[in-house]
C-alpha atoms as a PDB file:
ATOM      1  CA  UNK A   1      12.016  -9.984 -44.138  1.00  0.00           C
ATOM      2  CA  UNK A   2      12.295  -9.087 -39.973  1.00  0.00           C
ATOM      3  CA  UNK A   3      14.296  -6.090 -39.126  1.00  0.00           C
ATOM      4  CA  UNK A   4      17.039  -5.852 -37.559  1.00  0.00           C
ATOM      5  CA  UNK A   5      14.913  -2.910 -34.796  1.00  0.00           C
ATOM      6  CA  UNK A   6      12.714  -5.972 -34.812  1.00  0.00           C
ATOM      7  CA  UNK A   7      14.468  -9.057 -33.954  1.00  0.00           C
ATOM      8  CA  UNK A   8      15.670  -6.921 -30.798  1.00  0.00           C
ATOM      9  CA  UNK A   9      14.785  -8.853 -27.790  1.00  0.00           C
ATOM     10  CA  UNK A  10      13.481  -6.616 -24.921  1.00  0.00           C
ATOM     11  CA  UNK A  11      15.825  -5.204 -22.478  1.00  0.00           C
ATOM     12  CA  UNK A  12      14.849  -4.570 -18.665  1.00  0.00           C
ATOM     13  CA  UNK A  13      17.933  -2.604 -16.607  1.00  0.00           C
ATOM     14  CA  UNK A  14      17.989  -3.479 -12.959  1.00  0.00           C
ATOM     15  CA  UNK A  15      19.192  -0.484 -10.523  1.00  0.00           C
ATOM     16  CA  UNK A  16      19.799   0.046  -7.128  1.00  0.00           C
ATOM     17  CA  UNK A  17      15.880   1.208  -6.049  1.00  0.00           C
ATOM     18  CA  UNK A  18      13.742  -0.676  -8.588  1.00  0.00           C
ATOM     19  CA  UNK A  19      16.166  -3.906  -7.143  1.00  0.00           C
ATOM     20  CA  UNK A  20      15.369  -2.726  -3.700  1.00  0.00           C
ATOM     21  CA  UNK A  21      11.423  -2.395  -4.199  1.00  0.00           C
ATOM     22  CA  UNK A  22      11.432  -6.152  -5.786  1.00  0.00           C
ATOM     23  CA  UNK A  23      13.090  -7.228  -3.432  1.00  0.00           C
ATOM     24  CA  UNK A  24      10.868  -5.943  -0.650  1.00  0.00           C
ATOM     25  CA  UNK A  25       7.789  -6.770  -2.567  1.00  0.00           C
ATOM     26  CA  UNK A  26       8.912 -10.378  -2.572  1.00  0.00           C
ATOM     27  CA  UNK A  27      10.213 -10.332   0.954  1.00  0.00           C
ATOM     28  CA  UNK A  28       6.890  -9.369   1.770  1.00  0.00           C
ATOM     29  CA  UNK A  29       4.237 -12.189  -0.237  1.00  0.00           C
ATOM     30  CA  UNK A  30       6.344 -15.037   0.876  1.00  0.00           C
ATOM     31  CA  UNK A  31       5.488 -14.074   4.358  1.00  0.00           C
ATOM     32  CA  UNK A  32       2.013 -13.442   4.016  1.00  0.00           C
ATOM     33  CA  UNK A  33       1.798 -16.814   2.368  1.00  0.00           C
ATOM     34  CA  UNK A  34       3.899 -18.314   5.274  1.00  0.00           C
ATOM     35  CA  UNK A  35       0.353 -16.164   6.931  1.00  0.00           C
ATOM     36  CA  UNK A  36      -1.715 -18.216   5.179  1.00  0.00           C
ATOM     37  CA  UNK A  37      -0.874 -21.119   5.960  1.00  0.00           C
ATOM     38  CA  UNK A  38      -0.631 -21.346   9.687  1.00  0.00           C
ATOM     39  CA  UNK A  39      -3.293 -21.630  11.807  1.00  0.00           C
ATOM     40  CA  UNK A  40      -4.246 -18.786  14.368  1.00  0.00           C
ATOM     41  CA  UNK A  41      -3.189 -16.066  12.937  1.00  0.00           C
ATOM     42  CA  UNK A  42      -4.566 -13.009  11.278  1.00  0.00           C
ATOM     43  CA  UNK A  43      -5.467 -13.736   8.006  1.00  0.00           C
ATOM     44  CA  UNK A  44      -6.608 -10.288   7.556  1.00  0.00           C
ATOM     45  CA  UNK A  45      -3.336  -8.363   7.096  1.00  0.00           C
ATOM     46  CA  UNK A  46      -2.281 -11.155   5.162  1.00  0.00           C
ATOM     47  CA  UNK A  47      -3.965 -10.357   3.279  1.00  0.00           C
ATOM     48  CA  UNK A  48      -3.801  -6.088   3.191  1.00  0.00           C
ATOM     49  CA  UNK A  49       0.347  -7.460   2.596  1.00  0.00           C
ATOM     50  CA  UNK A  50       0.013  -9.556   0.324  1.00  0.00           C
ATOM     51  CA  UNK A  51      -2.238  -7.053  -2.052  1.00  0.00           C
ATOM     52  CA  UNK A  52       0.398  -4.479  -1.162  1.00  0.00           C
ATOM     53  CA  UNK A  53       3.169  -6.477  -2.608  1.00  0.00           C
ATOM     54  CA  UNK A  54       2.036  -7.715  -5.248  1.00  0.00           C
ATOM     55  CA  UNK A  55       0.468  -4.094  -6.271  1.00  0.00           C
ATOM     56  CA  UNK A  56       4.172  -3.157  -5.322  1.00  0.00           C
ATOM     57  CA  UNK A  57       6.139  -5.019  -7.663  1.00  0.00           C
ATOM     58  CA  UNK A  58       3.530  -4.397 -10.375  1.00  0.00           C
ATOM     59  CA  UNK A  59       4.078  -1.349 -11.006  1.00  0.00           C
ATOM     60  CA  UNK A  60       7.860  -1.593 -10.001  1.00  0.00           C
ATOM     61  CA  UNK A  61       8.112  -4.792 -13.117  1.00  0.00           C
ATOM     62  CA  UNK A  62       8.911  -3.385 -16.118  1.00  0.00           C
ATOM     63  CA  UNK A  63       8.382  -6.664 -18.534  1.00  0.00           C
ATOM     64  CA  UNK A  64       3.936  -6.786 -16.291  1.00  0.00           C
ATOM     65  CA  UNK A  65       3.605  -2.584 -17.330  1.00  0.00           C
ATOM     66  CA  UNK A  66       1.985  -3.955 -20.699  1.00  0.00           C
ATOM     67  CA  UNK A  67      -0.550  -6.118 -18.822  1.00  0.00           C
ATOM     68  CA  UNK A  68      -1.165  -4.748 -15.602  1.00  0.00           C
ATOM     69  CA  UNK A  69      -0.656  -1.340 -14.163  1.00  0.00           C
ATOM     70  CA  UNK A  70      -0.671   1.135 -11.439  1.00  0.00           C
ATOM     71  CA  UNK A  71      -1.060   4.736 -11.048  1.00  0.00           C
ATOM     72  CA  UNK A  72      -0.001   4.108  -6.920  1.00  0.00           C
ATOM     73  CA  UNK A  73       3.501   5.450  -6.153  1.00  0.00           C
ATOM     74  CA  UNK A  74       6.460   3.600  -5.450  1.00  0.00           C
ATOM     75  CA  UNK A  75       6.500   5.393  -2.516  1.00  0.00           C
ATOM     76  CA  UNK A  76       2.870   5.176  -1.016  1.00  0.00           C
ATOM     77  CA  UNK A  77       2.661   1.487  -2.357  1.00  0.00           C
ATOM     78  CA  UNK A  78       6.204   1.415   0.132  1.00  0.00           C
ATOM     79  CA  UNK A  79       5.094   2.794   2.825  1.00  0.00           C
ATOM     80  CA  UNK A  80       1.559   0.716   3.756  1.00  0.00           C
ATOM     81  CA  UNK A  81       4.389  -2.449   3.066  1.00  0.00           C
ATOM     82  CA  UNK A  82       6.061  -1.052   5.596  1.00  0.00           C
ATOM     83  CA  UNK A  83       3.342  -0.565   8.503  1.00  0.00           C
ATOM     84  CA  UNK A  84       1.313  -3.479   7.697  1.00  0.00           C
ATOM     85  CA  UNK A  85       4.685  -5.044   8.260  1.00  0.00           C
ATOM     86  CA  UNK A  86       5.271  -3.389  10.956  1.00  0.00           C
ATOM     87  CA  UNK A  87       1.666  -4.389  12.314  1.00  0.00           C
ATOM     88  CA  UNK A  88       2.233  -7.543  11.839  1.00  0.00           C
ATOM     89  CA  UNK A  89       5.356  -7.070  13.717  1.00  0.00           C
ATOM     90  CA  UNK A  90       3.478  -6.330  17.053  1.00  0.00           C
ATOM     91  CA  UNK A  91      -0.021  -8.008  16.832  1.00  0.00           C
ATOM     92  CA  UNK A  92       1.014 -11.130  19.220  1.00  0.00           C
ATOM     93  CA  UNK A  93      -1.447 -12.936  17.807  1.00  0.00           C
ATOM     94  CA  UNK A  94       0.321 -12.124  13.550  1.00  0.00           C
ATOM     95  CA  UNK A  95       3.393 -12.849  15.441  1.00  0.00           C
ATOM     96  CA  UNK A  96       3.088 -16.825  16.188  1.00  0.00           C
ATOM     97  CA  UNK A  97       1.775 -17.076  12.784  1.00  0.00           C
ATOM     98  CA  UNK A  98       4.463 -16.487  10.772  1.00  0.00           C
ATOM     99  CA  UNK A  99       7.649 -16.457  10.417  1.00  0.00           C
ATOM    100  CA  UNK A 100       9.775 -13.670  12.873  1.00  0.00           C
ATOM    101  CA  UNK A 101      13.048 -13.132  10.325  1.00  0.00           C
ATOM    102  CA  UNK A 102      11.765 -13.187   7.090  1.00  0.00           C
ATOM    103  CA  UNK A 103       9.021 -10.583   8.787  1.00  0.00           C
ATOM    104  CA  UNK A 104      11.754  -8.119   9.894  1.00  0.00           C
ATOM    105  CA  UNK A 105      13.621  -8.851   6.779  1.00  0.00           C
ATOM    106  CA  UNK A 106      10.907  -7.815   4.577  1.00  0.00           C
ATOM    107  CA  UNK A 107       9.865  -5.088   6.687  1.00  0.00           C
ATOM    108  CA  UNK A 108      13.708  -3.633   6.379  1.00  0.00           C
ATOM    109  CA  UNK A 109      13.989  -4.337   2.585  1.00  0.00           C
ATOM    110  CA  UNK A 110      10.479  -2.161   2.411  1.00  0.00           C
ATOM    111  CA  UNK A 111      11.409   0.785   4.623  1.00  0.00           C
ATOM    112  CA  UNK A 112      15.488   1.086   2.704  1.00  0.00           C
ATOM    113  CA  UNK A 113      12.854   0.907  -0.255  1.00  0.00           C
ATOM    114  CA  UNK A 114      10.600   3.828   0.782  1.00  0.00           C
ATOM    115  CA  UNK A 115      13.868   5.538   1.801  1.00  0.00           C
ATOM    116  CA  UNK A 116      15.198   4.792  -2.165  1.00  0.00           C
ATOM    117  CA  UNK A 117      11.479   5.934  -3.461  1.00  0.00           C
ATOM    118  CA  UNK A 118      11.383   8.979  -1.201  1.00  0.00           C
ATOM    119  CA  UNK A 119      14.766  10.438  -2.052  1.00  0.00           C
ATOM    120  CA  UNK A 120      14.652   9.084  -5.291  1.00  0.00           C
ATOM    121  CA  UNK A 121      17.807   7.337  -5.778  1.00  0.00           C
ATOM    122  CA  UNK A 122      18.577   5.219  -8.406  1.00  0.00           C
END
């Protein structure tokens, strides 16, 4: 016989900070995937952005915490991801290989996520 507490579905609340951080991680992962598909790009930066973006998503997204977890703080991951995306914007070969507007949006959103994590808003 199931009790009411056992039958309750798990709840995942989304705050402003986690929504912005998840959006930044998803944008960075999509940008990295598009960089892999285009020839002539700098794959090292794309791999680095992909790994940091996935770590950021794992850190912020609560339902995956029982299966995969990381102890790296959100602020460190979002700052590192912002720096890698900025380097991708500055490197000429990397600028040609990706979708420029997606990289700019991902950089801005990850920067906002870093500021929100620093200020502990949400």
